[in-house]
């Protein structure tokens, strides 16, 4: 699932409006709307603010296989059985 899709899904599950999220992370409504619709790239620092506002771990917002600018890969841990 894409970051934009995860943002929208979790925001809606938490009952927050786009306006409230924009205010909580310090961006305009238009910017947040564009983030959720995948129209702009999201800075890592803004994504961290989103995770904090949504009260979820940052990794929950990242794609399952995320590669940072250094080429390091992050993988979600498989659930314990």
Protein backbone atom coordinates (compact mmCIF):
# COMPACT_ATOMS: atom_id res chain seq x y z
CA UNK A 1 0.00 0.00 0.00
CA UNK A 2 1.28 3.47 -0.86
CA UNK A 3 2.09 6.05 1.80
CA UNK A 4 -0.75 8.29 0.58
CA UNK A 5 -3.24 5.44 0.94
CA UNK A 6 -1.96 4.56 4.40
CA UNK A 7 -2.24 8.18 5.54
CA UNK A 8 -5.85 8.39 4.42
CA UNK A 9 -6.84 5.01 5.83
CA UNK A 10 -5.33 5.64 9.27
CA UNK A 11 -6.58 9.24 9.42
CA UNK A 12 -10.12 8.09 8.68
CA UNK A 13 -9.86 5.24 11.22
CA UNK A 14 -8.82 7.80 13.86
CA UNK A 15 -11.70 10.10 12.89
CA UNK A 16 -9.53 13.10 11.94
CA UNK A 17 -10.37 15.51 9.13
CA UNK A 18 -7.82 16.54 6.54
CA UNK A 19 -8.02 20.06 7.97
CA UNK A 20 -7.17 18.81 11.46
CA UNK A 21 -4.23 16.76 10.18
CA UNK A 22 -2.90 19.70 8.19
CA UNK A 23 -3.06 21.91 11.29
CA UNK A 24 -1.46 19.24 13.53
CA UNK A 25 1.53 18.73 11.23
CA UNK A 26 1.96 22.39 10.24
CA UNK A 27 1.06 22.33 6.56
CA UNK A 28 -1.77 23.88 4.58
CA UNK A 29 -4.95 21.95 3.86
CA UNK A 30 -4.07 21.92 0.15
CA UNK A 31 -0.64 20.44 0.88
CA UNK A 32 -2.11 17.72 3.09
CA UNK A 33 -4.83 16.96 0.53
CA UNK A 34 -2.15 16.61 -2.15
CA UNK A 35 -0.12 14.32 0.14
CA UNK A 36 -3.09 11.96 0.55
CA UNK A 37 -3.70 11.94 -3.18
CA UNK A 38 -0.08 11.19 -4.05
CA UNK A 39 0.34 14.44 -5.94
CA UNK A 40 3.47 15.54 -4.06
CA UNK A 41 6.46 13.85 -2.49
CA UNK A 42 6.33 13.81 1.29
CA UNK A 43 9.43 14.88 3.17
CA UNK A 44 10.56 12.40 5.78
CA UNK A 45 10.30 15.05 8.51
CA UNK A 46 6.65 15.67 7.57
CA UNK A 47 5.96 11.94 7.55
CA UNK A 48 7.38 11.76 11.07
CA UNK A 49 4.94 14.50 12.13
CA UNK A 50 2.09 12.55 10.53
CA UNK A 51 3.00 9.43 12.49
CA UNK A 52 3.13 11.46 15.70
CA UNK A 53 -0.23 13.14 15.01
CA UNK A 54 -1.83 9.78 14.15
CA UNK A 55 -0.18 8.14 17.17
CA UNK A 56 1.27 5.29 15.10
CA UNK A 57 4.83 4.04 14.59
CA UNK A 58 6.53 5.67 11.61
CA UNK A 59 7.05 2.28 9.98
CA UNK A 60 3.28 1.86 9.83
CA UNK A 61 3.15 4.66 7.26
CA UNK A 62 6.01 3.39 5.10
CA UNK A 63 5.59 0.90 2.26
CA UNK A 64 6.30 -2.70 3.25
CA UNK A 65 9.73 -2.52 1.61
CA UNK A 66 11.13 0.97 2.07
CA UNK A 67 14.58 2.03 0.86
CA UNK A 68 16.03 5.27 2.21
CA UNK A 69 18.32 7.66 0.37
CA UNK A 70 21.40 5.65 1.39
CA UNK A 71 19.99 2.46 -0.10
CA UNK A 72 19.31 0.88 3.29
CA UNK A 73 16.17 -1.19 3.31
CA UNK A 74 13.61 -1.30 6.06
CA UNK A 75 11.20 -4.20 6.27
CA UNK A 76 8.20 -4.59 8.46
CA UNK A 77 8.71 -7.40 10.94
CA UNK A 78 6.54 -10.42 10.27
CA UNK A 79 3.92 -11.01 12.93
CA UNK A 80 4.89 -13.40 15.71
CA UNK A 81 3.08 -16.70 15.61
